[in-house]
C-alpha atoms as a PDB file:
ATOM      1  CA  MET A   1       5.596 -74.168 178.932  1.00  0.00           C
ATOM      2  CA  ASN A   2       5.213 -75.041 174.633  1.00  0.00           C
ATOM      3  CA  TYR A   3       2.648 -72.566 173.411  1.00  0.00           C
ATOM      4  CA  ASP A   4      -0.045 -74.497 170.968  1.00  0.00           C
ATOM      5  CA  ASP A   5      -1.463 -73.407 167.571  1.00  0.00           C
ATOM      6  CA  ASN A   6      -4.563 -72.684 168.971  1.00  0.00           C
ATOM      7  CA  VAL A   7      -3.447 -70.092 171.677  1.00  0.00           C
ATOM      8  CA  LYS A   8      -1.195 -68.589 168.886  1.00  0.00           C
ATOM      9  CA  ARG A   9      -3.935 -68.395 166.407  1.00  0.00           C
ATOM     10  CA  ARG A  10      -6.280 -66.607 169.191  1.00  0.00           C
ATOM     11  CA  LEU A  11      -3.883 -64.491 169.339  1.00  0.00           C
ATOM     12  CA  LYS A  12      -3.254 -63.309 165.729  1.00  0.00           C
ATOM     13  CA  ARG A  13      -6.995 -62.799 165.642  1.00  0.00           C
ATOM     14  CA  LEU A  14      -6.873 -60.355 168.766  1.00  0.00           C
ATOM     15  CA  GLU A  15      -4.346 -58.227 166.596  1.00  0.00           C
ATOM     16  CA  GLY A  16      -6.893 -58.733 163.998  1.00  0.00           C
ATOM     17  CA  GLN A  17      -8.997 -57.291 166.335  1.00  0.00           C
ATOM     18  CA  VAL A  18      -6.496 -54.345 167.227  1.00  0.00           C
ATOM     19  CA  ARG A  19      -6.147 -53.345 164.052  1.00  0.00           C
ATOM     20  CA  GLY A  20      -9.576 -53.048 163.512  1.00  0.00           C
ATOM     21  CA  VAL A  21     -10.323 -51.040 165.896  1.00  0.00           C
ATOM     22  CA  LEU A  22      -7.582 -49.011 165.550  1.00  0.00           C
ATOM     23  CA  LYS A  23      -8.539 -48.321 161.130  1.00  0.00           C
ATOM     24  CA  MET A  24     -12.460 -47.827 162.864  1.00  0.00           C
ATOM     25  CA  MET A  25     -10.774 -44.688 164.698  1.00  0.00           C
ATOM     26  CA  GLU A  26      -8.933 -43.638 161.892  1.00  0.00           C
ATOM     27  CA  GLU A  27     -12.187 -43.884 159.938  1.00  0.00           C
ATOM     28  CA  ASP A  28     -13.973 -41.753 162.743  1.00  0.00           C
ATOM     29  CA  LYS A  29     -16.496 -44.105 163.854  1.00  0.00           C
ATOM     30  CA  ASP A  30     -19.055 -43.646 166.292  1.00  0.00           C
ATOM     31  CA  CYS A  31     -17.755 -44.115 169.903  1.00  0.00           C
ATOM     32  CA  LYS A  32     -20.180 -47.005 170.657  1.00  0.00           C
ATOM     33  CA  GLU A  33     -18.856 -48.975 167.758  1.00  0.00           C
ATOM     34  CA  VAL A  34     -15.253 -47.874 168.783  1.00  0.00           C
ATOM     35  CA  VAL A  35     -16.143 -49.094 172.517  1.00  0.00           C
ATOM     36  CA  ALA A  36     -18.274 -52.816 171.712  1.00  0.00           C
ATOM     37  CA  GLN A  37     -15.250 -53.975 169.798  1.00  0.00           C
ATOM     38  CA  LEU A  38     -12.895 -52.942 172.787  1.00  0.00           C
ATOM     39  CA  SER A  39     -14.863 -54.734 174.566  1.00  0.00           C
ATOM     40  CA  ALA A  40     -14.739 -57.736 172.297  1.00  0.00           C
ATOM     41  CA  VAL A  41     -10.950 -57.384 172.322  1.00  0.00           C
ATOM     42  CA  ARG A  42     -10.838 -57.197 176.214  1.00  0.00           C
ATOM     43  CA  SER A  43     -12.510 -60.331 176.336  1.00  0.00           C
ATOM     44  CA  ALA A  44     -10.833 -62.235 173.594  1.00  0.00           C
ATOM     45  CA  THR A  45      -8.092 -61.463 175.769  1.00  0.00           C
ATOM     46  CA  ASP A  46      -9.278 -63.264 178.587  1.00  0.00           C
ATOM     47  CA  LYS A  47     -10.114 -66.150 177.199  1.00  0.00           C
ATOM     48  CA  ALA A  48      -6.829 -66.366 175.991  1.00  0.00           C
ATOM     49  CA  MET A  49      -4.983 -65.816 179.292  1.00  0.00           C
ATOM     50  CA  ALA A  50      -7.800 -68.405 180.855  1.00  0.00           C
ATOM     51  CA  TYR A  51      -6.801 -71.095 178.012  1.00  0.00           C
ATOM     52  CA  ILE A  52      -2.749 -70.300 178.594  1.00  0.00           C
ATOM     53  CA  VAL A  53      -3.996 -70.432 182.310  1.00  0.00           C
ATOM     54  CA  ALA A  54      -5.469 -74.086 182.268  1.00  0.00           C
ATOM     55  CA  MET A  55      -3.384 -75.129 179.544  1.00  0.00           C
ATOM     56  CA  ASN A  56      -0.398 -74.791 181.994  1.00  0.00           C
ATOM     57  CA  LEU A  57      -1.991 -75.794 185.033  1.00  0.00           C
ATOM     58  CA  GLU A  58      -3.196 -78.908 183.509  1.00  0.00           C
ATOM     59  CA  HIS A  59       0.817 -79.376 182.445  1.00  0.00           C
ATOM     60  CA  CYS A  60       2.136 -78.285 185.964  1.00  0.00           C
ATOM     61  CA  ILE A  61      -0.258 -81.015 187.628  1.00  0.00           C
ATOM     62  CA  LEU A  62      -0.139 -83.791 185.463  1.00  0.00           C
ATOM     63  CA  GLU A  63       3.659 -83.449 186.326  1.00  0.00           C
ATOM     64  CA  GLU A  64       3.459 -82.881 190.116  1.00  0.00           C
ATOM     65  CA  LYS A  65       1.404 -85.952 190.222  1.00  0.00           C
ATOM     66  CA  GLU A  66       3.977 -87.641 188.347  1.00  0.00           C
ATOM     67  CA  LYS A  67       6.442 -87.256 191.469  1.00  0.00           C
ATOM     68  CA  GLY A  68       3.952 -87.799 193.512  1.00  0.00           C
ATOM     69  CA  ASN A  69       3.531 -84.064 195.446  1.00  0.00           C
ATOM     70  CA  ASP A  70       0.774 -82.139 196.340  1.00  0.00           C
ATOM     71  CA  THR A  71      -0.882 -80.230 193.348  1.00  0.00           C
ATOM     72  CA  SER A  72      -3.277 -78.146 195.699  1.00  0.00           C
ATOM     73  CA  SER A  73      -0.793 -75.024 195.651  1.00  0.00           C
ATOM     74  CA  LEU A  74      -1.019 -74.813 192.020  1.00  0.00           C
ATOM     75  CA  VAL A  75      -4.444 -74.343 191.650  1.00  0.00           C
ATOM     76  CA  HIS A  76      -4.515 -71.513 193.884  1.00  0.00           C
ATOM     77  CA  GLU A  77      -1.188 -70.208 191.828  1.00  0.00           C
ATOM     78  CA  ALA A  78      -3.393 -70.335 188.268  1.00  0.00           C
ATOM     79  CA  VAL A  79      -6.523 -68.842 190.796  1.00  0.00           C
ATOM     80  CA  GLU A  80      -4.953 -65.554 191.612  1.00  0.00           C
ATOM     81  CA  LEU A  81      -3.002 -65.129 188.326  1.00  0.00           C
ATOM     82  CA  LEU A  82      -6.174 -64.627 187.178  1.00  0.00           C
ATOM     83  CA  ILE A  83      -7.591 -62.930 189.829  1.00  0.00           C
ATOM     84  CA  LYS A  84      -4.733 -60.495 188.672  1.00  0.00           C
ATOM     85  CA  SER A  85      -5.014 -60.233 185.146  1.00  0.00           C
ATOM     86  CA  ARG A  86      -8.585 -58.488 185.794  1.00  0.00           C
END
């Protein structure tokens, strides 16, 4: 799969968020602030994964339709992948 610039930007933003959390820890910031930032990291990670799965699913569905194949199993696989990621 070809990962577009959008998903790469998302991951770079995530990388920055994680660095920010580490800096907060080094600065002995309050636990509530650190956990809030970690929650934001988790949410951003979930969105990045969903984006990747959606883009891949779209690509696979179009490819299979061109071949005249059924695509229902692809949707099921995508849903299972997202469920397992949690």
